[in-house]
Amino acid sequence: MSKELTAIEWRSDQWLFQFGGLRPDNVLEYFSQSPFWDPSSNNAVLKMQTQFNDLQHSSYDLKSMVGIEFAVTHQEPPALFIVTKFRRSSPTKLVPITVYYITDGNAYEAPTLYSIVSTRMLSSIKKVEEAFDIARSHAEFHPSTGYSWKETAEQKSARSAALKDLNQQI
């Protein structure tokens, strides 16, 4: 069960100052400080296994592992980095799970397509309900005549005048 993290904005000014901002070679390290990071990911396991030798951050080793993996999938340094969380099941099979973006040092979880569409649909349905409420407030029902639109005296006289003009033209 995953937590809803799309409402979180994360930033570490201290880290950015200490390392001189974000670059392609340090953005995953920065991201690993965030609440979005999975400490059991292949990236974290590999970092722990290689922290005291020359094989640090070897992409070959990541490809041979199975499990959760993070990768920078798009970058426009220094302002924008896209980090994708994948599930790796083989050296060539990656399935994206979640997308994150870091813009000017602020990290966010991107909303899913489902959440965007469902939010938009709910918003649309709310507007349709409001329109029906307005229409219902202008309708009236009488058992002998059925439904009709409520008219003000001014609207009734305008309709009567229009009908008289129409009858005179015929």
C-alpha atoms as a PDB file:
ATOM      1  CA  MET A   1       0.000   0.000   0.000  1.00  0.00           C
ATOM      2  CA  SER A   2       1.557   3.304  -1.045  1.00  0.00           C
ATOM      3  CA  LYS A   3       1.040   6.637   0.617  1.00  0.00           C
ATOM      4  CA  GLU A   4      -0.349   9.584  -1.313  1.00  0.00           C
ATOM      5  CA  LEU A   5       2.656  11.850  -1.795  1.00  0.00           C
ATOM      6  CA  THR A   6       1.442  14.120  -4.612  1.00  0.00           C
ATOM      7  CA  ALA A   7       0.595  16.853  -2.094  1.00  0.00           C
ATOM      8  CA  ILE A   8       4.168  17.001  -0.753  1.00  0.00           C
ATOM      9  CA  GLU A   9       6.792  19.501  -1.843  1.00  0.00           C
ATOM     10  CA  TRP A  10      10.301  18.666  -0.645  1.00  0.00           C
ATOM     11  CA  ARG A  11      13.436  20.783  -0.716  1.00  0.00           C
ATOM     12  CA  SER A  12      16.785  20.769   1.094  1.00  0.00           C
ATOM     13  CA  ASP A  13      18.398  24.198   0.919  1.00  0.00           C
ATOM     14  CA  GLN A  14      21.274  23.002   3.099  1.00  0.00           C
ATOM     15  CA  TRP A  15      22.094  20.153   0.692  1.00  0.00           C
ATOM     16  CA  LEU A  16      21.829  22.434  -2.344  1.00  0.00           C
ATOM     17  CA  PHE A  17      24.174  24.968  -0.736  1.00  0.00           C
ATOM     18  CA  GLN A  18      26.643  22.321   0.422  1.00  0.00           C
ATOM     19  CA  PHE A  19      26.910  20.660  -3.015  1.00  0.00           C
ATOM     20  CA  GLY A  20      26.594  23.780  -5.165  1.00  0.00           C
ATOM     21  CA  GLY A  21      23.174  23.068  -6.643  1.00  0.00           C
ATOM     22  CA  LEU A  22      21.846  20.261  -8.787  1.00  0.00           C
ATOM     23  CA  ARG A  23      23.770  18.670 -11.620  1.00  0.00           C
ATOM     24  CA  PRO A  24      23.178  15.497 -13.628  1.00  0.00           C
ATOM     25  CA  ASP A  25      25.865  13.700 -11.580  1.00  0.00           C
ATOM     26  CA  ASN A  26      24.329  14.507  -8.162  1.00  0.00           C
ATOM     27  CA  VAL A  27      20.565  14.748  -8.696  1.00  0.00           C
ATOM     28  CA  LEU A  28      19.862  11.139  -7.624  1.00  0.00           C
ATOM     29  CA  GLU A  29      21.911  11.696  -4.467  1.00  0.00           C
ATOM     30  CA  TYR A  30      19.779  14.776  -3.734  1.00  0.00           C
ATOM     31  CA  PHE A  31      16.599  12.838  -4.505  1.00  0.00           C
ATOM     32  CA  SER A  32      17.706  10.073  -2.123  1.00  0.00           C
ATOM     33  CA  GLN A  33      17.304  12.544   0.764  1.00  0.00           C
ATOM     34  CA  SER A  34      13.608  13.066  -0.035  1.00  0.00           C
ATOM     35  CA  PRO A  35      10.555  11.255   1.377  1.00  0.00           C
ATOM     36  CA  PHE A  36       9.973   9.862  -2.132  1.00  0.00           C
ATOM     37  CA  TRP A  37      13.084   7.682  -1.974  1.00  0.00           C
ATOM     38  CA  ASP A  38      12.804   3.960  -1.278  1.00  0.00           C
ATOM     39  CA  PRO A  39      15.704   2.907   0.991  1.00  0.00           C
ATOM     40  CA  SER A  40      15.273  -0.692  -0.172  1.00  0.00           C
ATOM     41  CA  SER A  41      15.684   0.241  -3.855  1.00  0.00           C
ATOM     42  CA  ASN A  42      18.403  -1.287  -5.998  1.00  0.00           C
ATOM     43  CA  ASN A  43      20.094   2.136  -6.075  1.00  0.00           C
ATOM     44  CA  ALA A  44      20.324   2.232  -2.269  1.00  0.00           C
ATOM     45  CA  VAL A  45      21.516  -1.378  -2.003  1.00  0.00           C
ATOM     46  CA  LEU A  46      24.180  -0.819  -4.664  1.00  0.00           C
ATOM     47  CA  LYS A  47      25.317   2.401  -2.965  1.00  0.00           C
ATOM     48  CA  MET A  48      25.750   0.585   0.359  1.00  0.00           C
ATOM     49  CA  GLN A  49      27.632  -2.288  -1.310  1.00  0.00           C
ATOM     50  CA  THR A  50      30.006  -0.033  -3.262  1.00  0.00           C
ATOM     51  CA  GLN A  51      30.473   2.967  -0.986  1.00  0.00           C
ATOM     52  CA  PHE A  52      34.055   2.028  -0.111  1.00  0.00           C
ATOM     53  CA  ASN A  53      35.303   0.964  -3.563  1.00  0.00           C
ATOM     54  CA  ASP A  54      35.695   2.311  -7.099  1.00  0.00           C
ATOM     55  CA  LEU A  55      32.455   0.792  -8.472  1.00  0.00           C
ATOM     56  CA  GLN A  56      30.179   3.510  -7.134  1.00  0.00           C
ATOM     57  CA  HIS A  57      26.956   4.041  -9.105  1.00  0.00           C
ATOM     58  CA  SER A  58      27.760   1.483 -11.790  1.00  0.00           C
ATOM     59  CA  SER A  59      24.781   1.282 -14.145  1.00  0.00           C
ATOM     60  CA  TYR A  60      25.843  -2.225 -15.230  1.00  0.00           C
ATOM     61  CA  ASP A  61      25.286  -3.512 -11.691  1.00  0.00           C
ATOM     62  CA  LEU A  62      21.833  -1.893 -11.547  1.00  0.00           C
ATOM     63  CA  LYS A  63      20.805  -3.627 -14.777  1.00  0.00           C
ATOM     64  CA  SER A  64      21.666  -7.015 -13.331  1.00  0.00           C
ATOM     65  CA  MET A  65      19.467  -6.483 -10.255  1.00  0.00           C
ATOM     66  CA  VAL A  66      15.743  -7.149  -9.852  1.00  0.00           C
ATOM     67  CA  GLY A  67      13.465  -4.813  -7.901  1.00  0.00           C
ATOM     68  CA  ILE A  68      12.767  -1.098  -7.480  1.00  0.00           C
ATOM     69  CA  GLU A  69      15.115   1.269  -9.284  1.00  0.00           C
ATOM     70  CA  PHE A  70      15.304   5.043  -9.720  1.00  0.00           C
ATOM     71  CA  ALA A  71      16.670   6.726 -12.834  1.00  0.00           C
ATOM     72  CA  VAL A  72      16.889  10.252 -14.201  1.00  0.00           C
ATOM     73  CA  THR A  73      14.793   9.983 -17.369  1.00  0.00           C
ATOM     74  CA  HIS A  74      14.884  13.607 -18.506  1.00  0.00           C
ATOM     75  CA  GLN A  75      16.981  16.605 -17.590  1.00  0.00           C
ATOM     76  CA  GLU A  76      17.286  20.271 -18.381  1.00  0.00           C
ATOM     77  CA  PRO A  77      19.980  21.247 -15.884  1.00  0.00           C
ATOM     78  CA  PRO A  78      19.963  23.024 -13.565  1.00  0.00           C
ATOM     79  CA  ALA A  79      16.231  23.806 -13.478  1.00  0.00           C
ATOM     80  CA  LEU A  80      14.449  20.525 -14.300  1.00  0.00           C
ATOM     81  CA  PHE A  81      15.072  16.858 -13.652  1.00  0.00           C
ATOM     82  CA  ILE A  82      12.586  14.012 -14.122  1.00  0.00           C
ATOM     83  CA  VAL A  83      13.179  10.952 -11.940  1.00  0.00           C
ATOM     84  CA  THR A  84      11.255   7.763 -12.653  1.00  0.00           C
ATOM     85  CA  LYS A  85      10.739   4.900 -10.237  1.00  0.00           C
ATOM     86  CA  PHE A  86      10.813   1.566 -12.070  1.00  0.00           C
ATOM     87  CA  ARG A  87      10.235  -2.072 -11.247  1.00  0.00           C
ATOM     88  CA  ARG A  88      13.000  -4.074 -12.932  1.00  0.00           C
ATOM     89  CA  SER A  89      12.287  -7.746 -13.596  1.00  0.00           C
ATOM     90  CA  SER A  90      15.199  -8.467 -15.965  1.00  0.00           C
ATOM     91  CA  PRO A  91      18.174  -6.645 -17.502  1.00  0.00           C
ATOM     92  CA  THR A  92      15.916  -5.387 -20.314  1.00  0.00           C
ATOM     93  CA  LYS A  93      12.467  -5.184 -18.684  1.00  0.00           C
ATOM     94  CA  LEU A  94      11.599  -2.020 -16.740  1.00  0.00           C
ATOM     95  CA  VAL A  95       8.055  -1.032 -15.808  1.00  0.00           C
ATOM     96  CA  PRO A  96       7.549   2.591 -14.705  1.00  0.00           C
ATOM     97  CA  ILE A  97       5.737   2.936 -11.392  1.00  0.00           C
ATOM     98  CA  THR A  98       5.892   6.613 -10.454  1.00  0.00           C
ATOM     99  CA  VAL A  99       7.312   9.798 -11.937  1.00  0.00           C
ATOM    100  CA  TYR A 100       8.840  12.588  -9.873  1.00  0.00           C
ATOM    101  CA  TYR A 101      10.088  15.960 -10.979  1.00  0.00           C
ATOM    102  CA  ILE A 102      12.575  18.332  -9.455  1.00  0.00           C
ATOM    103  CA  THR A 103      12.233  21.915 -10.534  1.00  0.00           C
ATOM    104  CA  ASP A 104      14.600  24.533  -9.156  1.00  0.00           C
ATOM    105  CA  GLY A 105      15.428  22.239  -6.237  1.00  0.00           C
ATOM    106  CA  ASN A 106      11.802  21.464  -5.286  1.00  0.00           C
ATOM    107  CA  ALA A 107      10.871  17.782  -5.606  1.00  0.00           C
ATOM    108  CA  TYR A 108       7.315  16.609  -6.302  1.00  0.00           C
ATOM    109  CA  GLU A 109       5.545  13.384  -7.146  1.00  0.00           C
ATOM    110  CA  ALA A 110       3.745  13.757 -10.453  1.00  0.00           C
ATOM    111  CA  PRO A 111       0.041  12.894 -10.300  1.00  0.00           C
ATOM    112  CA  THR A 112      -1.091   9.790 -12.139  1.00  0.00           C
ATOM    113  CA  LEU A 113      -3.181  10.016 -15.285  1.00  0.00           C
ATOM    114  CA  TYR A 114      -6.015   8.340 -13.350  1.00  0.00           C
ATOM    115  CA  SER A 115      -5.990  11.010 -10.636  1.00  0.00           C
ATOM    116  CA  ILE A 116      -5.932  13.834 -13.197  1.00  0.00           C
ATOM    117  CA  VAL A 117      -8.817  12.377 -15.243  1.00  0.00           C
ATOM    118  CA  SER A 118     -10.904  11.468 -12.187  1.00  0.00           C
ATOM    119  CA  THR A 119     -10.437  14.946 -10.688  1.00  0.00           C
ATOM    120  CA  ARG A 120     -11.448  16.585 -13.967  1.00  0.00           C
ATOM    121  CA  MET A 121     -14.462  14.284 -14.312  1.00  0.00           C
ATOM    122  CA  LEU A 122     -15.609  15.014 -10.760  1.00  0.00           C
ATOM    123  CA  SER A 123     -15.244  18.723 -11.437  1.00  0.00           C
ATOM    124  CA  SER A 124     -17.288  18.383 -14.637  1.00  0.00           C
ATOM    125  CA  ILE A 125     -19.989  16.356 -12.909  1.00  0.00           C
ATOM    126  CA  LYS A 126     -20.225  19.019 -10.202  1.00  0.00           C
ATOM    127  CA  LYS A 127     -20.850  21.674 -12.881  1.00  0.00           C
ATOM    128  CA  VAL A 128     -23.528  19.502 -14.532  1.00  0.00           C
ATOM    129  CA  GLU A 129     -25.225  19.029 -11.141  1.00  0.00           C
ATOM    130  CA  GLU A 130     -25.204  22.809 -10.617  1.00  0.00           C
ATOM    131  CA  ALA A 131     -26.777  23.318 -14.065  1.00  0.00           C
ATOM    132  CA  PHE A 132     -29.533  20.797 -13.266  1.00  0.00           C
ATOM    133  CA  ASP A 133     -30.187  22.527  -9.926  1.00  0.00           C
ATOM    134  CA  ILE A 134     -30.616  25.857 -11.739  1.00  0.00           C
ATOM    135  CA  ALA A 135     -32.897  24.273 -14.362  1.00  0.00           C
ATOM    136  CA  ARG A 136     -34.942  22.530 -11.643  1.00  0.00           C
ATOM    137  CA  SER A 137     -35.437  25.846  -9.828  1.00  0.00           C
ATOM    138  CA  HIS A 138     -37.014  27.312 -13.004  1.00  0.00           C
ATOM    139  CA  ALA A 139     -39.317  24.373 -13.692  1.00  0.00           C
ATOM    140  CA  GLU A 140     -42.749  23.795 -12.243  1.00  0.00           C
ATOM    141  CA  PHE A 141     -45.091  20.838 -12.366  1.00  0.00           C
ATOM    142  CA  HIS A 142     -48.859  20.714 -12.521  1.00  0.00           C
ATOM    143  CA  PRO A 143     -50.676  17.350 -12.662  1.00  0.00           C
ATOM    144  CA  SER A 144     -52.940  18.403 -15.536  1.00  0.00           C
ATOM    145  CA  THR A 145     -50.338  20.152 -17.736  1.00  0.00           C
ATOM    146  CA  GLY A 146     -47.061  18.487 -16.712  1.00  0.00           C
ATOM    147  CA  TYR A 147     -43.795  20.361 -16.546  1.00  0.00           C
ATOM    148  CA  SER A 148     -43.407  23.932 -17.696  1.00  0.00           C
ATOM    149  CA  TRP A 149     -40.962  26.772 -17.148  1.00  0.00           C
ATOM    150  CA  LYS A 150     -41.691  29.350 -14.500  1.00  0.00           C
ATOM    151  CA  GLU A 151     -42.143  32.766 -16.021  1.00  0.00           C
ATOM    152  CA  THR A 152     -42.107  36.169 -14.450  1.00  0.00           C
ATOM    153  CA  ALA A 153     -44.937  38.545 -15.317  1.00  0.00           C
ATOM    154  CA  GLU A 154     -42.568  40.427 -17.607  1.00  0.00           C
ATOM    155  CA  GLN A 155     -41.614  37.221 -19.453  1.00  0.00           C
ATOM    156  CA  LYS A 156     -45.311  36.253 -19.835  1.00  0.00           C
ATOM    157  CA  SER A 157     -46.227  39.634 -21.306  1.00  0.00           C
ATOM    158  CA  ALA A 158     -43.251  39.500 -23.700  1.00  0.00           C
ATOM    159  CA  ARG A 159     -44.291  35.992 -24.824  1.00  0.00           C
ATOM    160  CA  SER A 160     -47.905  37.123 -25.272  1.00  0.00           C
ATOM    161  CA  ALA A 161     -46.800  40.129 -27.312  1.00  0.00           C
ATOM    162  CA  ALA A 162     -44.597  37.939 -29.493  1.00  0.00           C
ATOM    163  CA  LEU A 163     -47.505  35.517 -30.078  1.00  0.00           C
ATOM    164  CA  LYS A 164     -49.843  38.437 -31.000  1.00  0.00           C
ATOM    165  CA  ASP A 165     -47.281  39.761 -33.490  1.00  0.00           C
ATOM    166  CA  LEU A 166     -46.902  36.289 -34.970  1.00  0.00           C
ATOM    167  CA  ASN A 167     -50.703  35.849 -35.277  1.00  0.00           C
ATOM    168  CA  GLN A 168     -51.090  39.237 -36.947  1.00  0.00           C
ATOM    169  CA  GLN A 169     -48.421  38.370 -39.523  1.00  0.00           C
ATOM    170  CA  ILE A 170     -50.274  35.198 -40.470  1.00  0.00           C
END
